[in-house]
């Protein structure tokens, strides 16, 4: 009934959950109502309710690569069975919300729909704290 989680996977899950909470906190400060699905296999992490319009948001944490100064984010779905990471499809979410330290990138799906695995955040500077795009 309960899944036993390996140490590395637990750290990733915790890091992901903390990113989701950070997004939810920042959204709440701006008067955005955020709801979460009750199941964990949805292709989005939360729904942002903005003036009656509902937007599916996928939240990811970014990290700095050790070999360079690039900050990247893996935008593939988490594997259900532990084998491979499927790609997101059109309609899975409306916005990719990437957390890096205290910065949130709010990127429309259309801007990343052709990306297969990772994004480099330096290409998305226009979307830093892009709350106006949602509001």
C-alpha atoms as a PDB file:
ATOM      1  CA  UNK A   1       0.000   0.000   0.000  1.00  0.00           C
ATOM      2  CA  UNK A   2       2.821   2.432   0.809  1.00  0.00           C
ATOM      3  CA  UNK A   3       5.804   2.971  -1.439  1.00  0.00           C
ATOM      4  CA  UNK A   4       9.243   2.639   0.111  1.00  0.00           C
ATOM      5  CA  UNK A   5      11.350   5.443  -1.326  1.00  0.00           C
ATOM      6  CA  UNK A   6      15.094   5.170  -1.833  1.00  0.00           C
ATOM      7  CA  UNK A   7      17.258   7.907  -0.306  1.00  0.00           C
ATOM      8  CA  UNK A   8      18.146   9.722  -3.563  1.00  0.00           C
ATOM      9  CA  UNK A   9      14.579   9.561  -4.805  1.00  0.00           C
ATOM     10  CA  UNK A  10      13.308  10.868  -1.458  1.00  0.00           C
ATOM     11  CA  UNK A  11      15.626  13.887  -1.712  1.00  0.00           C
ATOM     12  CA  UNK A  12      14.333  14.635  -5.227  1.00  0.00           C
ATOM     13  CA  UNK A  13      10.726  14.292  -4.075  1.00  0.00           C
ATOM     14  CA  UNK A  14      11.375  16.580  -1.122  1.00  0.00           C
ATOM     15  CA  UNK A  15      13.160  19.123  -3.311  1.00  0.00           C
ATOM     16  CA  UNK A  16      10.252  19.045  -5.757  1.00  0.00           C
ATOM     17  CA  UNK A  17       7.706  19.438  -2.976  1.00  0.00           C
ATOM     18  CA  UNK A  18       9.603  22.411  -1.549  1.00  0.00           C
ATOM     19  CA  UNK A  19       9.613  24.028  -5.015  1.00  0.00           C
ATOM     20  CA  UNK A  20       5.846  23.521  -5.238  1.00  0.00           C
ATOM     21  CA  UNK A  21       5.375  25.107  -1.814  1.00  0.00           C
ATOM     22  CA  UNK A  22       7.570  28.066  -2.804  1.00  0.00           C
ATOM     23  CA  UNK A  23       5.457  28.648  -5.917  1.00  0.00           C
ATOM     24  CA  UNK A  24       2.220  28.335  -3.934  1.00  0.00           C
ATOM     25  CA  UNK A  25       3.458  30.815  -1.318  1.00  0.00           C
ATOM     26  CA  UNK A  26       4.481  33.384  -3.949  1.00  0.00           C
ATOM     27  CA  UNK A  27       1.181  32.922  -5.785  1.00  0.00           C
ATOM     28  CA  UNK A  28      -0.818  33.374  -2.564  1.00  0.00           C
ATOM     29  CA  UNK A  29       1.045  36.633  -1.849  1.00  0.00           C
ATOM     30  CA  UNK A  30      -0.343  37.896  -5.166  1.00  0.00           C
ATOM     31  CA  UNK A  31      -3.909  36.792  -4.483  1.00  0.00           C
ATOM     32  CA  UNK A  32      -3.753  33.723  -6.712  1.00  0.00           C
ATOM     33  CA  UNK A  33      -5.664  30.700  -5.457  1.00  0.00           C
ATOM     34  CA  UNK A  34      -3.713  27.473  -5.956  1.00  0.00           C
ATOM     35  CA  UNK A  35      -5.180  23.966  -5.820  1.00  0.00           C
ATOM     36  CA  UNK A  36      -3.406  20.617  -6.088  1.00  0.00           C
ATOM     37  CA  UNK A  37      -4.658  17.353  -7.584  1.00  0.00           C
ATOM     38  CA  UNK A  38      -5.236  14.600  -5.046  1.00  0.00           C
ATOM     39  CA  UNK A  39      -3.376  12.062  -7.179  1.00  0.00           C
ATOM     40  CA  UNK A  40       0.326  12.203  -7.973  1.00  0.00           C
ATOM     41  CA  UNK A  41       0.251  11.017 -11.594  1.00  0.00           C
ATOM     42  CA  UNK A  42      -1.235  14.192 -13.127  1.00  0.00           C
ATOM     43  CA  UNK A  43       0.981  15.885 -15.712  1.00  0.00           C
ATOM     44  CA  UNK A  44       0.738  19.136 -13.716  1.00  0.00           C
ATOM     45  CA  UNK A  45       1.467  19.999 -10.092  1.00  0.00           C
ATOM     46  CA  UNK A  46      -1.196  22.581  -9.409  1.00  0.00           C
ATOM     47  CA  UNK A  47      -4.015  24.680 -10.806  1.00  0.00           C
ATOM     48  CA  UNK A  48      -3.735  28.464 -10.516  1.00  0.00           C
ATOM     49  CA  UNK A  49      -7.140  30.150 -10.334  1.00  0.00           C
ATOM     50  CA  UNK A  50      -6.736  33.697 -11.594  1.00  0.00           C
ATOM     51  CA  UNK A  51      -9.906  35.747 -11.761  1.00  0.00           C
ATOM     52  CA  UNK A  52     -11.913  32.628 -12.603  1.00  0.00           C
ATOM     53  CA  UNK A  53      -9.490  31.343 -15.251  1.00  0.00           C
ATOM     54  CA  UNK A  54      -7.798  28.030 -14.439  1.00  0.00           C
ATOM     55  CA  UNK A  55      -4.206  27.363 -15.521  1.00  0.00           C
ATOM     56  CA  UNK A  56      -2.361  24.061 -15.138  1.00  0.00           C
ATOM     57  CA  UNK A  57       1.156  24.648 -13.795  1.00  0.00           C
ATOM     58  CA  UNK A  58       4.060  22.213 -13.819  1.00  0.00           C
ATOM     59  CA  UNK A  59       6.661  23.162 -11.219  1.00  0.00           C
ATOM     60  CA  UNK A  60      10.307  22.166 -11.535  1.00  0.00           C
ATOM     61  CA  UNK A  61      13.465  22.984  -9.624  1.00  0.00           C
ATOM     62  CA  UNK A  62      16.524  24.091 -11.601  1.00  0.00           C
ATOM     63  CA  UNK A  63      20.166  23.572 -10.672  1.00  0.00           C
ATOM     64  CA  UNK A  64      23.531  24.888 -11.703  1.00  0.00           C
ATOM     65  CA  UNK A  65      25.667  22.480 -13.670  1.00  0.00           C
ATOM     66  CA  UNK A  66      28.981  21.689 -12.080  1.00  0.00           C
ATOM     67  CA  UNK A  67      30.954  21.930 -15.308  1.00  0.00           C
ATOM     68  CA  UNK A  68      29.815  25.459 -16.242  1.00  0.00           C
ATOM     69  CA  UNK A  69      27.744  28.404 -15.104  1.00  0.00           C
ATOM     70  CA  UNK A  70      24.577  27.232 -16.856  1.00  0.00           C
ATOM     71  CA  UNK A  71      21.433  26.835 -14.812  1.00  0.00           C
ATOM     72  CA  UNK A  72      19.347  24.035 -16.281  1.00  0.00           C
ATOM     73  CA  UNK A  73      16.049  22.310 -15.673  1.00  0.00           C
ATOM     74  CA  UNK A  74      14.994  18.816 -16.710  1.00  0.00           C
ATOM     75  CA  UNK A  75      11.482  19.209 -18.086  1.00  0.00           C
ATOM     76  CA  UNK A  76      10.621  15.544 -18.590  1.00  0.00           C
ATOM     77  CA  UNK A  77       7.904  13.822 -16.567  1.00  0.00           C
ATOM     78  CA  UNK A  78       8.834  11.662 -13.657  1.00  0.00           C
ATOM     79  CA  UNK A  79       8.834   7.988 -14.446  1.00  0.00           C
ATOM     80  CA  UNK A  80       5.973   5.986 -12.976  1.00  0.00           C
ATOM     81  CA  UNK A  81       7.789   2.648 -13.064  1.00  0.00           C
ATOM     82  CA  UNK A  82      11.384   3.873 -12.764  1.00  0.00           C
ATOM     83  CA  UNK A  83      12.231   3.307 -16.441  1.00  0.00           C
ATOM     84  CA  UNK A  84      12.773   6.317 -18.678  1.00  0.00           C
ATOM     85  CA  UNK A  85      11.212   9.722 -18.381  1.00  0.00           C
ATOM     86  CA  UNK A  86       8.365  10.444 -20.763  1.00  0.00           C
ATOM     87  CA  UNK A  87       8.043  13.836 -22.436  1.00  0.00           C
ATOM     88  CA  UNK A  88       5.201  16.206 -21.747  1.00  0.00           C
ATOM     89  CA  UNK A  89       2.603  16.634 -24.447  1.00  0.00           C
ATOM     90  CA  UNK A  90       0.574  19.593 -25.628  1.00  0.00           C
ATOM     91  CA  UNK A  91      -2.248  20.172 -23.141  1.00  0.00           C
ATOM     92  CA  UNK A  92      -0.444  18.588 -20.167  1.00  0.00           C
ATOM     93  CA  UNK A  93       0.101  22.029 -18.616  1.00  0.00           C
ATOM     94  CA  UNK A  94      -0.195  25.716 -19.484  1.00  0.00           C
ATOM     95  CA  UNK A  95       2.856  27.094 -17.673  1.00  0.00           C
ATOM     96  CA  UNK A  96       6.206  25.693 -16.659  1.00  0.00           C
ATOM     97  CA  UNK A  97       7.160  27.322 -13.366  1.00  0.00           C
ATOM     98  CA  UNK A  98      10.866  26.837 -12.711  1.00  0.00           C
ATOM     99  CA  UNK A  99      12.301  27.585  -9.296  1.00  0.00           C
ATOM    100  CA  UNK A 100      15.965  28.518  -8.992  1.00  0.00           C
ATOM    101  CA  UNK A 101      16.981  29.798  -5.571  1.00  0.00           C
ATOM    102  CA  UNK A 102      14.573  32.716  -4.921  1.00  0.00           C
ATOM    103  CA  UNK A 103      13.651  33.223  -8.564  1.00  0.00           C
ATOM    104  CA  UNK A 104      10.596  31.839 -10.317  1.00  0.00           C
ATOM    105  CA  UNK A 105      10.473  31.598 -14.101  1.00  0.00           C
ATOM    106  CA  UNK A 106       6.893  31.433 -15.381  1.00  0.00           C
ATOM    107  CA  UNK A 107       7.172  30.151 -18.937  1.00  0.00           C
ATOM    108  CA  UNK A 108       4.211  29.472 -21.248  1.00  0.00           C
ATOM    109  CA  UNK A 109       3.998  25.956 -22.708  1.00  0.00           C
ATOM    110  CA  UNK A 110       4.316  27.341 -26.241  1.00  0.00           C
ATOM    111  CA  UNK A 111       7.850  28.559 -25.463  1.00  0.00           C
ATOM    112  CA  UNK A 112       9.103  25.096 -24.453  1.00  0.00           C
ATOM    113  CA  UNK A 113       6.852  22.734 -26.419  1.00  0.00           C
ATOM    114  CA  UNK A 114       9.675  21.706 -28.780  1.00  0.00           C
ATOM    115  CA  UNK A 115      12.220  21.038 -26.003  1.00  0.00           C
ATOM    116  CA  UNK A 116      12.955  17.361 -25.477  1.00  0.00           C
ATOM    117  CA  UNK A 117      14.846  17.169 -22.197  1.00  0.00           C
ATOM    118  CA  UNK A 118      16.345  20.225 -20.530  1.00  0.00           C
ATOM    119  CA  UNK A 119      16.177  23.979 -20.780  1.00  0.00           C
ATOM    120  CA  UNK A 120      18.906  26.493 -20.012  1.00  0.00           C
ATOM    121  CA  UNK A 121      17.397  29.312 -18.002  1.00  0.00           C
ATOM    122  CA  UNK A 122      19.591  32.022 -19.533  1.00  0.00           C
ATOM    123  CA  UNK A 123      17.359  31.732 -22.616  1.00  0.00           C
ATOM    124  CA  UNK A 124      14.271  32.572 -20.561  1.00  0.00           C
ATOM    125  CA  UNK A 125      15.295  35.769 -18.767  1.00  0.00           C
ATOM    126  CA  UNK A 126      12.112  37.506 -19.990  1.00  0.00           C
ATOM    127  CA  UNK A 127      10.073  35.142 -17.824  1.00  0.00           C
ATOM    128  CA  UNK A 128      11.728  35.814 -14.454  1.00  0.00           C
ATOM    129  CA  UNK A 129       9.030  36.484 -11.859  1.00  0.00           C
ATOM    130  CA  UNK A 130       6.623  36.802 -14.774  1.00  0.00           C
ATOM    131  CA  UNK A 131       3.538  37.041 -12.563  1.00  0.00           C
ATOM    132  CA  UNK A 132       2.042  39.704 -14.833  1.00  0.00           C
ATOM    133  CA  UNK A 133       1.759  37.034 -17.541  1.00  0.00           C
ATOM    134  CA  UNK A 134      -0.540  35.080 -15.240  1.00  0.00           C
ATOM    135  CA  UNK A 135      -2.430  38.095 -13.930  1.00  0.00           C
END
